[in-house]
Protein backbone atom coordinates (compact mmCIF):
# COMPACT_ATOMS: atom_id res chain seq x y z
CA MET A 1 -2.12 32.83 5.98
CA THR A 2 -5.44 32.46 4.15
CA TYR A 3 -5.91 29.77 1.52
CA GLU A 4 -6.02 32.43 -1.25
CA GLN A 5 -2.89 33.93 -0.04
CA LEU A 6 -1.31 30.46 -0.03
CA LYS A 7 -2.46 29.77 -3.44
CA ASN A 8 -1.10 33.15 -4.83
CA LEU A 9 2.34 32.28 -3.24
CA GLU A 10 2.24 28.61 -4.86
CA LYS A 11 1.69 30.04 -8.27
CA THR A 12 5.15 31.52 -8.27
CA SER A 13 6.77 28.54 -6.86
CA ARG A 14 7.84 25.07 -8.00
CA ILE A 15 6.98 21.75 -6.29
CA SER A 16 8.38 18.86 -8.49
CA CYS A 17 6.28 16.19 -6.91
CA GLY A 18 2.94 18.08 -7.38
CA CYS A 19 -0.10 17.14 -9.49
CA GLY A 20 -2.71 14.64 -8.23
CA ILE A 21 -4.38 12.01 -10.46
CA SER A 22 -7.35 9.83 -9.97
CA GLY A 23 -9.10 6.93 -12.12
CA ILE A 24 -12.21 4.92 -11.53
CA VAL A 25 -13.55 2.21 -13.74
CA ASN A 26 -16.53 -0.12 -13.31
CA ARG A 27 -15.42 -3.37 -15.10
CA ASN A 28 -19.00 -4.24 -15.98
CA GLY A 29 -19.56 -1.02 -17.79
CA ASN A 30 -22.31 0.37 -15.34
CA ALA A 31 -22.32 3.97 -15.29
CA PHE A 32 -22.02 5.97 -12.15
CA SER A 33 -22.21 9.68 -11.16
CA GLY A 34 -19.33 12.00 -11.56
CA GLU A 35 -19.60 12.77 -7.74
CA LEU A 36 -17.29 9.86 -7.01
CA ILE A 37 -14.35 11.35 -9.13
CA ILE A 38 -15.01 14.76 -7.74
CA SER A 39 -14.57 13.48 -4.18
CA SER A 40 -11.49 11.56 -4.92
CA ILE A 41 -9.52 14.19 -6.92
CA CYS A 42 -10.72 16.99 -4.22
CA MET A 43 -9.24 14.90 -1.46
CA MET A 44 -5.76 15.80 -3.13
CA ARG A 45 -6.49 19.46 -3.50
CA GLU A 46 -3.11 20.50 -2.13
CA ARG A 47 -1.32 18.71 -4.92
CA GLY A 48 -2.21 21.52 -7.20
CA ASN A 49 -2.17 25.32 -7.15
CA GLY A 50 -5.29 26.31 -8.90
CA LEU A 51 -3.42 26.47 -12.40
CA GLY A 52 -5.35 23.62 -13.70
CA ALA A 53 -7.76 20.81 -13.19
CA GLY A 54 -9.88 18.46 -15.22
CA TYR A 55 -12.14 15.36 -15.77
CA ALA A 56 -12.72 12.85 -18.55
CA GLY A 57 -15.96 10.80 -18.51
CA TYR A 58 -16.83 7.75 -20.86
CA GLY A 59 -20.46 6.76 -21.55
CA ILE A 60 -21.61 10.38 -20.87
CA TYR A 61 -23.31 10.69 -24.24
CA PRO A 62 -25.52 7.63 -24.80
CA GLU A 63 -27.83 9.49 -26.99
CA PHE A 64 -25.09 10.15 -29.46
CA GLN A 65 -23.01 7.07 -28.69
CA ASP A 66 -22.19 6.36 -32.41
CA ARG A 67 -21.33 10.26 -33.06
CA TRP A 68 -18.10 11.86 -32.94
CA CYS A 69 -17.92 14.62 -30.44
CA PHE A 70 -15.61 17.55 -30.42
CA HIS A 71 -15.15 19.70 -27.53
CA ILE A 72 -13.58 23.01 -28.67
CA MET A 73 -12.46 26.09 -26.78
CA TYR A 74 -12.12 29.42 -28.52
CA ASP A 75 -9.86 32.19 -27.13
CA GLN A 76 -11.57 34.71 -29.59
CA PRO A 77 -15.34 34.18 -30.16
CA ARG A 78 -14.87 35.38 -33.94
CA GLU A 79 -12.67 32.26 -34.41
CA LYS A 80 -15.73 30.13 -33.94
CA GLU A 81 -17.33 31.09 -37.29
CA ASN A 82 -14.01 30.04 -38.88
CA VAL A 83 -13.76 26.64 -37.37
CA GLU A 84 -17.48 25.78 -37.93
CA GLY A 85 -16.95 26.56 -41.58
CA PHE A 86 -14.10 24.16 -41.64
CA LEU A 87 -16.24 21.51 -39.94
CA GLU A 88 -18.98 21.79 -42.26
CA THR A 89 -16.71 20.91 -45.40
CA ARG A 90 -16.06 17.57 -43.60
CA PHE A 91 -18.98 16.65 -41.53
CA ASN A 92 -22.67 16.64 -40.96
CA ILE A 93 -23.25 18.35 -37.82
CA ILE A 94 -25.87 16.64 -35.99
CA GLN A 95 -26.07 19.04 -33.24
CA GLN A 96 -23.87 21.89 -31.79
CA GLU A 97 -24.33 23.65 -28.46
CA PRO A 98 -22.33 25.58 -25.82
CA ILE A 99 -20.93 22.95 -23.38
CA PRO A 100 -23.20 23.39 -20.21
CA ILE A 101 -21.37 25.50 -17.61
CA LYS A 102 -22.32 27.12 -14.14
CA LYS A 103 -20.73 30.78 -13.80
CA ILE A 104 -17.98 30.68 -11.09
CA LYS A 105 -17.13 33.91 -9.78
CA SER A 106 -13.48 32.92 -9.01
CA LEU A 107 -12.63 32.06 -12.64
CA SER A 108 -11.40 35.27 -14.21
CA PHE A 109 -11.25 34.15 -17.71
CA VAL A 110 -13.28 31.57 -19.57
CA PRO A 111 -12.90 30.68 -23.20
CA VAL A 112 -16.00 30.06 -25.56
CA LEU A 113 -16.59 26.28 -25.08
CA TYR A 114 -18.68 24.27 -27.59
CA ARG A 115 -19.49 20.81 -28.26
CA TYR A 116 -20.22 19.22 -31.81
CA PHE A 117 -21.84 15.84 -32.56
CA LEU A 118 -20.48 14.96 -36.02
CA VAL A 119 -20.94 12.35 -38.84
CA ILE A 120 -18.39 12.27 -41.38
CA LYS A 121 -19.72 13.17 -44.99
CA ASP A 122 -19.95 10.22 -47.33
CA GLU A 123 -17.22 11.69 -49.86
CA PHE A 124 -14.70 11.38 -46.98
CA SER A 125 -15.72 7.78 -46.05
CA ASP A 126 -14.37 6.19 -49.32
CA GLY A 127 -12.16 3.72 -47.14
CA LEU A 128 -8.89 5.32 -48.22
CA ILE A 129 -8.08 6.05 -44.66
CA SER A 130 -9.95 5.02 -41.64
CA GLU A 131 -12.53 7.20 -39.70
CA GLU A 132 -9.99 7.45 -36.79
CA ASP A 133 -7.19 8.56 -39.01
CA PHE A 134 -9.53 11.13 -40.75
CA ILE A 135 -10.55 12.41 -37.16
CA LEU A 136 -6.97 12.71 -36.07
CA GLU A 137 -5.95 14.58 -39.37
CA THR A 138 -9.02 16.97 -38.52
CA VAL A 139 -8.09 17.63 -34.95
CA MET A 140 -4.32 18.21 -35.96
CA SER A 141 -5.44 20.72 -38.83
CA ILE A 142 -7.75 22.69 -36.40
CA ASN A 143 -5.22 22.94 -33.69
CA ARG A 144 -2.44 23.90 -36.10
CA GLN A 145 -4.33 26.30 -38.42
CA PHE A 146 -6.62 28.24 -36.12
CA ASN A 147 -4.49 30.33 -33.58
CA ASN A 148 -7.39 30.99 -31.25
CA ALA A 149 -9.26 27.31 -31.45
CA SER A 150 -8.34 24.20 -29.70
CA VAL A 151 -10.18 20.80 -29.98
CA PHE A 152 -9.35 19.08 -26.56
CA SER A 153 -11.79 16.22 -26.83
CA SER A 154 -12.65 14.16 -29.95
CA GLY A 155 -13.91 10.70 -29.23
CA LYS A 156 -17.15 9.02 -29.32
CA ASN A 157 -19.58 8.72 -26.10
CA MET A 158 -17.00 10.44 -24.06
CA GLY A 159 -15.79 14.00 -23.14
CA ILE A 160 -13.03 15.91 -21.58
CA PHE A 161 -13.58 18.97 -19.46
CA LYS A 162 -10.71 21.20 -18.22
CA GLY A 163 -9.64 24.44 -17.43
CA VAL A 164 -7.70 26.83 -15.01
CA GLY A 165 -8.88 26.45 -11.50
CA ASP A 166 -9.06 24.11 -8.70
CA PRO A 167 -10.71 20.74 -9.26
CA ASP A 168 -13.93 21.56 -7.18
CA GLU A 169 -14.21 24.76 -9.04
CA MET A 170 -13.87 22.91 -12.32
CA ALA A 171 -16.30 20.17 -11.32
CA GLU A 172 -18.89 22.96 -10.44
CA PHE A 173 -18.20 25.03 -13.58
CA TYR A 174 -18.65 22.06 -16.02
CA ARG A 175 -21.44 20.48 -13.76
CA ILE A 176 -19.48 17.21 -13.76
CA SER A 177 -22.07 15.85 -11.09
CA ASP A 178 -24.83 16.02 -13.85
CA TYR A 179 -22.89 13.26 -15.80
CA LYS A 180 -22.82 9.50 -15.60
CA GLY A 181 -20.03 7.29 -16.99
CA TYR A 182 -18.34 4.02 -16.53
CA ILE A 183 -14.92 5.26 -16.49
CA TRP A 184 -13.79 8.58 -14.92
CA LEU A 185 -10.21 10.21 -14.89
CA ALA A 186 -9.26 13.33 -13.15
CA HIS A 187 -6.38 15.70 -12.60
CA ASN A 188 -5.43 18.35 -10.26
CA ARG A 189 -2.30 20.36 -11.74
CA PHE A 190 0.69 22.00 -10.50
CA PRO A 191 2.63 23.38 -13.51
CA THR A 192 6.34 23.29 -13.46
CA ASN A 193 7.93 23.99 -16.67
CA THR A 194 4.96 25.34 -18.66
CA VAL A 195 2.25 27.85 -18.10
CA GLY A 196 -1.06 27.30 -16.75
CA TRP A 197 -3.72 27.87 -19.33
CA TRP A 198 -7.08 26.13 -20.21
CA GLY A 199 -5.47 24.08 -23.24
CA GLY A 200 -2.73 22.90 -20.94
CA ALA A 201 -4.75 21.62 -18.16
CA HIS A 202 -5.35 17.75 -18.09
CA PRO A 203 -6.67 15.33 -19.19
CA PHE A 204 -5.18 15.32 -22.74
CA GLY A 205 -7.09 13.43 -25.44
CA ILE A 206 -7.18 12.19 -28.86
CA LEU A 207 -10.09 10.12 -30.30
CA ASP A 208 -11.13 8.19 -27.35
CA TRP A 209 -7.85 8.21 -25.55
CA SER A 210 -7.44 10.48 -22.48
CA CYS A 211 -4.38 10.87 -20.00
CA VAL A 212 -3.60 12.50 -16.86
CA HIS A 213 -0.11 12.71 -15.56
CA ASN A 214 1.88 13.62 -12.79
CA GLY A 215 5.51 14.20 -13.33
CA GLU A 216 8.13 15.76 -16.04
CA ILE A 217 8.97 14.13 -19.36
CA SER A 218 12.61 14.92 -20.06
CA SER A 219 12.48 13.08 -23.44
CA TYR A 220 9.73 15.32 -24.81
CA GLY A 221 11.95 16.83 -27.61
CA ILE A 222 12.58 13.35 -29.25
CA ASN A 223 9.12 12.05 -28.38
CA ARG A 224 7.51 14.97 -30.27
CA ARG A 225 9.80 14.69 -33.16
CA TYR A 226 8.89 10.82 -33.37
CA LEU A 227 5.27 11.63 -33.16
CA GLU A 228 5.43 14.28 -35.90
CA ASN A 229 6.63 11.59 -38.33
CA ALA A 230 3.41 9.73 -37.76
CA GLY A 231 1.14 12.84 -38.14
CA TYR A 232 0.69 13.72 -34.39
CA TYR A 233 1.47 17.29 -33.76
CA CYS A 234 2.00 18.91 -30.14
CA THR A 235 0.25 22.17 -29.92
CA PHE A 236 -0.48 22.56 -26.19
CA TYR A 237 2.96 23.37 -24.97
CA THR A 238 2.67 20.68 -22.18
CA ASP A 239 4.85 17.35 -22.14
CA THR A 240 1.79 15.14 -21.23
CA GLU A 241 0.51 15.63 -24.66
CA VAL A 242 3.17 13.34 -26.08
CA ILE A 243 2.04 10.29 -23.74
CA THR A 244 -1.48 10.41 -24.95
CA TYR A 245 -0.37 10.43 -28.58
CA LEU A 246 2.14 7.66 -28.15
CA PHE A 247 -0.47 5.48 -26.57
CA ASN A 248 -2.73 5.98 -29.43
CA LEU A 249 -0.08 5.45 -31.90
CA LEU A 250 1.36 2.31 -30.41
CA CYS A 251 -1.93 0.51 -29.73
CA ARG A 252 -4.15 1.86 -32.58
CA LYS A 253 -1.67 2.17 -35.40
CA HIS A 254 0.93 -0.38 -34.49
CA GLY A 255 -1.36 -2.82 -32.98
CA LEU A 256 0.74 -3.34 -29.71
CA ASP A 257 -1.28 -4.44 -26.60
CA LEU A 258 -1.29 -2.29 -23.64
CA GLU A 259 1.25 -4.33 -21.59
CA ILE A 260 3.75 -4.32 -24.53
CA SER A 261 3.05 -0.60 -24.99
CA GLY A 262 4.04 -0.15 -21.28
CA TYR A 263 7.38 -2.04 -22.00
CA VAL A 264 7.98 0.59 -24.80
CA LEU A 265 7.10 3.67 -23.00
CA ALA A 266 8.84 2.65 -19.45
CA SER A 267 11.44 0.28 -20.89
CA PRO A 268 13.54 -1.47 -18.39
CA PHE A 269 17.28 -0.50 -18.08
CA TRP A 270 19.65 -2.42 -20.35
CA SER A 271 21.18 -3.84 -17.17
CA LYS A 272 17.75 -5.17 -16.00
CA ILE A 273 17.04 -6.58 -19.41
CA GLU A 274 20.36 -8.38 -19.32
CA LYS A 275 19.39 -10.25 -16.13
CA GLU A 276 16.02 -11.29 -17.50
CA GLU A 277 15.89 -15.21 -17.10
CA ASP A 278 13.28 -16.06 -19.85
CA PRO A 279 15.05 -15.74 -23.31
CA GLY A 280 11.90 -15.15 -24.99
CA LYS A 281 11.13 -12.17 -22.86
CA GLN A 282 14.53 -10.85 -22.97
CA GLY A 283 14.66 -10.90 -26.75
CA LEU A 284 11.35 -9.19 -26.86
CA LEU A 285 12.57 -6.27 -24.50
CA LYS A 286 15.87 -5.88 -26.40
CA THR A 287 13.78 -5.45 -29.82
CA LEU A 288 11.33 -3.07 -28.20
CA ARG A 289 13.95 -0.99 -26.67
CA ILE A 290 15.70 -0.78 -30.11
CA VAL A 291 12.90 -0.44 -32.43
CA TYR A 292 11.10 2.13 -30.11
CA ALA A 293 14.04 4.02 -28.70
CA SER A 294 12.49 7.33 -29.69
CA ALA A 295 9.16 6.46 -28.04
CA LEU A 296 10.87 5.72 -24.74
CA ILE A 297 9.59 8.11 -22.04
CA ASN A 298 12.34 9.53 -19.68
CA GLY A 299 11.84 11.39 -16.42
CA PRO A 300 9.66 10.93 -13.59
CA PHE A 301 6.01 10.15 -14.18
CA ALA A 302 2.81 8.37 -13.09
CA VAL A 303 -0.05 8.39 -15.47
CA VAL A 304 -3.44 6.97 -15.75
CA VAL A 305 -4.66 6.54 -19.43
CA ALA A 306 -7.95 5.36 -20.60
CA ASN A 307 -9.98 4.73 -23.88
CA SER A 308 -13.55 3.43 -24.35
CA ASP A 309 -12.81 -0.14 -22.94
CA THR A 310 -9.54 -0.04 -20.81
CA VAL A 311 -7.82 1.83 -18.09
CA VAL A 312 -4.09 1.72 -17.65
CA GLY A 313 -1.85 2.99 -14.86
CA LEU A 314 1.86 3.30 -15.32
CA ASN A 315 5.00 4.40 -13.49
CA ASP A 316 8.39 5.29 -14.73
CA ARG A 317 10.97 2.69 -14.48
CA LEU A 318 12.34 3.91 -11.10
CA LYS A 319 8.84 4.83 -9.85
CA LEU A 320 9.77 8.39 -9.01
CA ARG A 321 6.04 9.55 -8.56
CA PRO A 322 3.45 7.90 -6.46
CA LEU A 323 0.81 5.68 -7.73
CA VAL A 324 -1.52 3.29 -5.74
CA ALA A 325 -4.35 0.94 -6.94
CA ALA A 326 -7.36 -0.71 -5.18
CA SER A 327 -10.22 -2.94 -6.23
CA ASP A 328 -13.63 -3.74 -4.78
CA SER A 329 -16.42 -5.78 -6.33
CA ASP A 330 -16.75 -4.35 -9.95
CA PHE A 331 -14.75 -1.17 -9.28
CA VAL A 332 -10.87 -0.54 -9.78
CA TYR A 333 -9.41 2.61 -8.42
CA VAL A 334 -6.08 4.16 -9.40
CA ALA A 335 -4.62 7.43 -7.71
CA SER A 336 -1.68 9.34 -6.51
CA GLU A 337 -2.64 8.69 -2.78
CA GLU A 338 -4.40 5.83 -1.10
CA SER A 339 -6.46 8.55 0.59
CA ALA A 340 -7.91 9.66 -2.47
CA ILE A 341 -9.43 5.89 -2.88
CA ARG A 342 -10.37 5.52 0.71
CA LYS A 343 -12.41 8.77 0.55
CA ILE A 344 -14.94 7.04 -1.95
CA CYS A 345 -14.09 3.37 -0.88
CA ALA A 346 -13.43 3.21 2.78
CA ARG A 347 -12.70 -0.53 2.79
CA PRO A 348 -11.50 -1.82 -0.44
CA GLU A 349 -10.98 -5.67 -1.10
CA LYS A 350 -7.31 -5.13 -2.23
CA VAL A 351 -4.84 -2.35 -2.22
CA TRP A 352 -1.55 -2.46 -3.98
CA MET A 353 1.20 -0.38 -5.21
CA PRO A 354 2.63 -1.39 -8.75
CA GLU A 355 6.30 -1.84 -9.32
CA ALA A 356 8.26 0.55 -11.30
CA GLY A 357 7.37 0.22 -15.05
CA GLU A 358 4.67 -2.46 -14.20
CA PRO A 359 1.25 -1.54 -15.92
CA ILE A 360 -2.10 -1.89 -14.33
CA VAL A 361 -4.52 -2.86 -17.12
CA VAL A 362 -8.23 -2.94 -16.39
CA LYS A 363 -10.46 -4.01 -19.14
CA VAL A 364 -14.26 -3.16 -19.33
CA ASN A 365 -16.08 -6.52 -20.10
CA ASN A 366 -19.54 -4.93 -21.11
CA LYS A 367 -20.07 -1.26 -22.05
CA ARG A 368 -23.42 -0.64 -21.18
CA ARG A 369 -24.73 2.34 -23.25
C-alpha cells in the first residue's frame, strides 16, 4: 500500500491516541531557524493523517515588534473587503499583505491568507478597557460576524501558520524555514470528533497565547459556557480552542500564575487532595477545585502552551497522553515522543517525563528582538 493510499484510508478511521505536538524554547530569547521545529514535528508524521498541521513562532516580526498582527483566512475572497472595512474603523493599518506562501500541488484548497500590522486608533485608547481586551473583543467580533473570515493569530511579534495538510507540506507552504524565533510550537493533527479544516488545525491562539494539543476534551460544553460568560466565544468547532482561552483568562484576566493555572485545569482528584499532607496546599487545591469547577478540563490531553515569555507543558491528571521533556544548554524541548527531541538534539543533558497534572514551566529570561 502506498503512502497516499494509507493516508486516504486513515482519513476515514479514528486513532484515539493520534496527534503529535512539539515545542522548543531558548531560555535566553535567542532566535533560531524554524528548521528545528520542522524536523521535530516531521519525525512524528505518522501521528497525523494529513488533515491538519501548523506552527507558532515568537520573535518572528522584529521590525513590527510593537504592532498587533492579525493573520486572517478568507474562505470567500469577497469577505476580505468587508473585514478590512471593519478593521479600518478601529485601527490604523500600518501594513497589510498576503502571508508569504509557496504553492504546493498536493493542497487542493487554500483560503485567501492575509496579515495585518495594526495600531489601535486613539479614540479606542481612552483607558476604559485594556488594549488586550480591545483586541480580544475585536477578534471575537470578526470570527462571529463574518461567516467566511477567521482571525487565527492576533498577538505581537508572533504568528500562527496552519492549515489542512501534513506538517512538511505546511512548513513548505508557509515557508517556515524563512523565519527565526525564540519559541516555536508545532502540531500534526489526527482529527477524531471534528472535521479537518483550515481553521480547525492547530495551533490555536488569542493575543500572544498559542496552544497545541493531543487528546480529547470531554468537558468542552461546560468549559465553553464558562468562557462565554467572560467574553470568549468558540467559533472553530474544535475542543482545543477552550484550552487556549482558559489559559488566557486565568493568567491574564484573573492574575493566576502558570503553576496555579495548571492546578485549575488539571485539578487533582478529591481523593488525592484529601491525602495532601501540607494543610496550606490542601486548602488551596480545595478552593481552586470549588471556585474554578467549570474551568476543569476533563478527558485525556497533553498540551504545550506558549506566550511571549513562557512555555508550559501539561498532561491530564491521569497522564493518558504522552509528553516528554528535555533540556540542553539554553534550550528546553517538549514533545509527544522522545524521538522528536533527539532528532534535533541527539544528546540532551536531561530527559524526563512529567507526572500527571504536573506543569512544565519554562520562562524566557531575555527576549532579544
